[in-house]
Amino acid sequence: MAATLLKLSDLAVGASATVREFPAQDPAFIRLREMGLLAGTRITLVRTAPLGDPLEIKVRGYYLTLRKVDAAHVLVEPVP
């Protein structure tokens, strides 16, 4: 059975997921990889700002804030 992938920006607050793919060449995503956001990494969507942007995720024991437009390019697989 194929995995169900969704955009990180569509993940529910409090839900955990595993990062599966994101753009390889964009400078913003190169920076995210340098900060530990790699394919196979488990993340949790901690909260969103009152207007829905930005998003705060927990990755590798620390908190990272992403713009919703960037999070829309990160594909994740929800963890049950």
N, C-alpha and C. Protein backbone atom coordinates (compact mmCIF):
# COMPACT_ATOMS: atom_id res chain seq x y z
N MET A 1 0.85 -1.18 0.00
CA MET A 1 0.00 0.00 0.00
C MET A 1 0.89 1.25 0.00
N ALA A 2 0.59 2.20 -0.83
CA ALA A 2 1.38 3.42 -0.95
C ALA A 2 1.14 4.33 0.25
N ALA A 3 2.19 5.01 0.64
CA ALA A 3 2.10 5.95 1.76
C ALA A 3 1.29 7.17 1.34
N THR A 4 0.55 7.72 2.30
CA THR A 4 -0.22 8.93 2.05
C THR A 4 0.66 10.13 2.40
N LEU A 5 1.00 10.92 1.40
CA LEU A 5 1.82 12.10 1.63
C LEU A 5 0.93 13.33 1.62
N LEU A 6 1.27 14.28 2.49
CA LEU A 6 0.58 15.56 2.46
C LEU A 6 1.58 16.66 2.73
N LYS A 7 1.16 17.86 2.45
CA LYS A 7 2.03 19.02 2.66
C LYS A 7 2.16 19.28 4.16
N LEU A 8 3.34 19.68 4.58
CA LEU A 8 3.54 20.04 5.98
C LEU A 8 2.56 21.14 6.39
N SER A 9 2.25 22.04 5.49
CA SER A 9 1.32 23.13 5.80
C SER A 9 -0.10 22.62 6.07
N ASP A 10 -0.42 21.39 5.66
CA ASP A 10 -1.75 20.81 5.86
C ASP A 10 -1.82 19.90 7.09
N LEU A 11 -0.69 19.68 7.76
CA LEU A 11 -0.65 18.82 8.94
C LEU A 11 -1.41 19.48 10.08
N ALA A 12 -2.13 18.69 10.85
CA ALA A 12 -2.90 19.22 11.98
C ALA A 12 -1.96 19.57 13.15
N VAL A 13 -2.31 20.60 13.89
CA VAL A 13 -1.53 20.99 15.07
C VAL A 13 -1.50 19.81 16.04
N GLY A 14 -0.31 19.48 16.54
CA GLY A 14 -0.13 18.38 17.47
C GLY A 14 0.19 17.06 16.79
N ALA A 15 0.02 16.99 15.47
CA ALA A 15 0.29 15.75 14.74
C ALA A 15 1.78 15.60 14.45
N SER A 16 2.22 14.35 14.39
CA SER A 16 3.60 14.04 14.03
C SER A 16 3.63 13.43 12.64
N ALA A 17 4.77 13.59 11.98
CA ALA A 17 4.93 13.06 10.63
C ALA A 17 6.41 12.85 10.36
N THR A 18 6.69 12.12 9.31
CA THR A 18 8.06 11.90 8.86
C THR A 18 8.24 12.65 7.55
N VAL A 19 9.31 13.43 7.47
CA VAL A 19 9.60 14.18 6.24
C VAL A 19 9.96 13.19 5.15
N ARG A 20 9.36 13.34 3.98
CA ARG A 20 9.64 12.45 2.86
C ARG A 20 10.38 13.15 1.72
N GLU A 21 9.99 14.37 1.38
CA GLU A 21 10.70 15.06 0.28
C GLU A 21 10.42 16.56 0.31
N PHE A 22 11.36 17.31 -0.27
CA PHE A 22 11.23 18.75 -0.45
C PHE A 22 12.22 19.19 -1.50
N PRO A 23 12.08 20.40 -2.03
CA PRO A 23 12.97 20.85 -3.11
C PRO A 23 14.44 20.76 -2.72
N ALA A 24 15.25 20.28 -3.66
CA ALA A 24 16.67 20.06 -3.36
C ALA A 24 17.54 21.28 -3.59
N GLN A 25 17.20 22.14 -4.53
CA GLN A 25 18.09 23.22 -4.93
C GLN A 25 17.76 24.60 -4.38
N ASP A 26 16.57 24.81 -3.90
CA ASP A 26 16.17 26.12 -3.40
C ASP A 26 17.01 26.51 -2.18
N PRO A 27 17.57 27.72 -2.14
CA PRO A 27 18.42 28.13 -1.01
C PRO A 27 17.73 28.02 0.36
N ALA A 28 16.43 28.28 0.42
CA ALA A 28 15.72 28.17 1.69
C ALA A 28 15.73 26.73 2.19
N PHE A 29 15.62 25.77 1.29
CA PHE A 29 15.58 24.37 1.69
C PHE A 29 16.97 23.81 1.96
N ILE A 30 17.97 24.39 1.31
CA ILE A 30 19.35 24.02 1.65
C ILE A 30 19.60 24.41 3.10
N ARG A 31 19.14 25.58 3.49
CA ARG A 31 19.28 26.05 4.88
C ARG A 31 18.53 25.12 5.83
N LEU A 32 17.33 24.69 5.47
CA LEU A 32 16.57 23.78 6.33
C LEU A 32 17.30 22.45 6.51
N ARG A 33 17.91 21.95 5.44
CA ARG A 33 18.70 20.71 5.56
C ARG A 33 19.87 20.91 6.51
N GLU A 34 20.51 22.07 6.43
CA GLU A 34 21.62 22.36 7.33
C GLU A 34 21.18 22.39 8.79
N MET A 35 19.91 22.72 9.02
CA MET A 35 19.37 22.77 10.38
C MET A 35 18.79 21.43 10.82
N GLY A 36 18.93 20.39 10.00
CA GLY A 36 18.52 19.05 10.40
C GLY A 36 17.21 18.55 9.86
N LEU A 37 16.54 19.31 9.01
CA LEU A 37 15.28 18.87 8.42
C LEU A 37 15.62 18.05 7.17
N LEU A 38 15.73 16.74 7.35
CA LEU A 38 16.12 15.84 6.28
C LEU A 38 15.03 14.82 6.03
N ALA A 39 15.04 14.22 4.84
CA ALA A 39 14.10 13.13 4.55
C ALA A 39 14.32 12.03 5.59
N GLY A 40 13.23 11.53 6.15
CA GLY A 40 13.30 10.50 7.18
C GLY A 40 13.25 11.04 8.59
N THR A 41 13.33 12.36 8.74
CA THR A 41 13.29 12.99 10.06
C THR A 41 11.85 13.10 10.55
N ARG A 42 11.65 12.75 11.81
CA ARG A 42 10.30 12.88 12.39
C ARG A 42 10.13 14.30 12.94
N ILE A 43 9.00 14.89 12.65
CA ILE A 43 8.67 16.24 13.11
C ILE A 43 7.29 16.24 13.76
N THR A 44 7.04 17.27 14.55
CA THR A 44 5.71 17.48 15.13
C THR A 44 5.33 18.92 14.89
N LEU A 45 4.11 19.15 14.41
CA LEU A 45 3.62 20.51 14.24
C LEU A 45 3.13 20.98 15.61
N VAL A 46 3.84 21.92 16.20
CA VAL A 46 3.56 22.37 17.57
C VAL A 46 2.41 23.36 17.59
N ARG A 47 2.48 24.39 16.73
CA ARG A 47 1.43 25.40 16.71
C ARG A 47 1.56 26.27 15.46
N THR A 48 0.50 27.03 15.23
CA THR A 48 0.52 28.01 14.16
C THR A 48 0.26 29.38 14.77
N ALA A 49 0.68 30.41 14.09
CA ALA A 49 0.41 31.77 14.54
C ALA A 49 -1.10 32.02 14.44
N PRO A 50 -1.62 33.03 15.12
CA PRO A 50 -3.06 33.30 15.11
C PRO A 50 -3.68 33.40 13.71
N LEU A 51 -2.95 33.92 12.75
CA LEU A 51 -3.49 34.03 11.40
C LEU A 51 -3.05 32.86 10.51
N GLY A 52 -2.44 31.83 11.11
CA GLY A 52 -2.05 30.63 10.37
C GLY A 52 -0.66 30.65 9.77
N ASP A 53 0.07 31.72 9.93
CA ASP A 53 1.40 31.82 9.33
C ASP A 53 2.29 32.66 10.25
N PRO A 54 3.41 32.19 10.71
CA PRO A 54 4.13 30.98 10.36
C PRO A 54 3.70 29.76 11.19
N LEU A 55 4.37 28.63 10.91
CA LEU A 55 4.14 27.38 11.63
C LEU A 55 5.37 27.09 12.50
N GLU A 56 5.15 26.48 13.64
CA GLU A 56 6.27 26.08 14.50
C GLU A 56 6.29 24.56 14.57
N ILE A 57 7.44 23.97 14.22
CA ILE A 57 7.59 22.52 14.29
C ILE A 57 8.69 22.16 15.28
N LYS A 58 8.60 20.97 15.80
CA LYS A 58 9.68 20.44 16.65
C LYS A 58 10.41 19.40 15.81
N VAL A 59 11.70 19.59 15.67
CA VAL A 59 12.54 18.70 14.87
C VAL A 59 13.85 18.47 15.60
N ARG A 60 14.20 17.22 15.82
CA ARG A 60 15.46 16.85 16.48
C ARG A 60 15.66 17.55 17.83
N GLY A 61 14.58 17.73 18.57
CA GLY A 61 14.68 18.28 19.92
C GLY A 61 14.67 19.80 20.01
N TYR A 62 14.52 20.50 18.92
CA TYR A 62 14.43 21.96 19.00
C TYR A 62 13.24 22.44 18.17
N TYR A 63 12.90 23.70 18.34
CA TYR A 63 11.74 24.29 17.68
C TYR A 63 12.21 25.15 16.51
N LEU A 64 11.51 24.99 15.39
CA LEU A 64 11.85 25.69 14.16
C LEU A 64 10.59 26.33 13.61
N THR A 65 10.68 27.56 13.18
CA THR A 65 9.54 28.27 12.62
C THR A 65 9.70 28.38 11.10
N LEU A 66 8.64 28.01 10.39
CA LEU A 66 8.64 28.05 8.92
C LEU A 66 7.49 28.88 8.42
N ARG A 67 7.72 29.59 7.32
CA ARG A 67 6.60 30.26 6.66
C ARG A 67 5.70 29.20 6.05
N LYS A 68 4.43 29.47 6.02
CA LYS A 68 3.47 28.50 5.47
C LYS A 68 3.76 28.22 4.00
N VAL A 69 4.17 29.21 3.25
CA VAL A 69 4.48 29.03 1.83
C VAL A 69 5.65 28.05 1.65
N ASP A 70 6.63 28.08 2.55
CA ASP A 70 7.74 27.12 2.48
C ASP A 70 7.30 25.74 2.94
N ALA A 71 6.48 25.69 3.99
CA ALA A 71 5.99 24.41 4.51
C ALA A 71 5.15 23.68 3.46
N ALA A 72 4.54 24.42 2.54
CA ALA A 72 3.71 23.80 1.50
C ALA A 72 4.54 22.98 0.52
N HIS A 73 5.86 23.19 0.48
CA HIS A 73 6.73 22.45 -0.42
C HIS A 73 7.34 21.22 0.23
N VAL A 74 7.12 21.04 1.52
CA VAL A 74 7.67 19.89 2.25
C VAL A 74 6.58 18.82 2.33
N LEU A 75 6.86 17.65 1.78
CA LEU A 75 5.91 16.55 1.83
C LEU A 75 6.24 15.64 3.00
N VAL A 76 5.22 15.31 3.76
CA VAL A 76 5.40 14.48 4.96
C VAL A 76 4.43 13.30 4.93
N GLU A 77 4.79 12.27 5.68
CA GLU A 77 3.93 11.10 5.86
C GLU A 77 3.48 11.09 7.31
N PRO A 78 2.20 11.23 7.57
CA PRO A 78 1.70 11.26 8.95
C PRO A 78 2.06 9.97 9.69
N VAL A 79 2.38 10.12 10.98
CA VAL A 79 2.70 8.99 11.84
C VAL A 79 1.45 8.70 12.68
N PRO A 80 0.99 7.46 12.66
CA PRO A 80 -0.24 7.14 13.42
C PRO A 80 -0.05 7.27 14.92
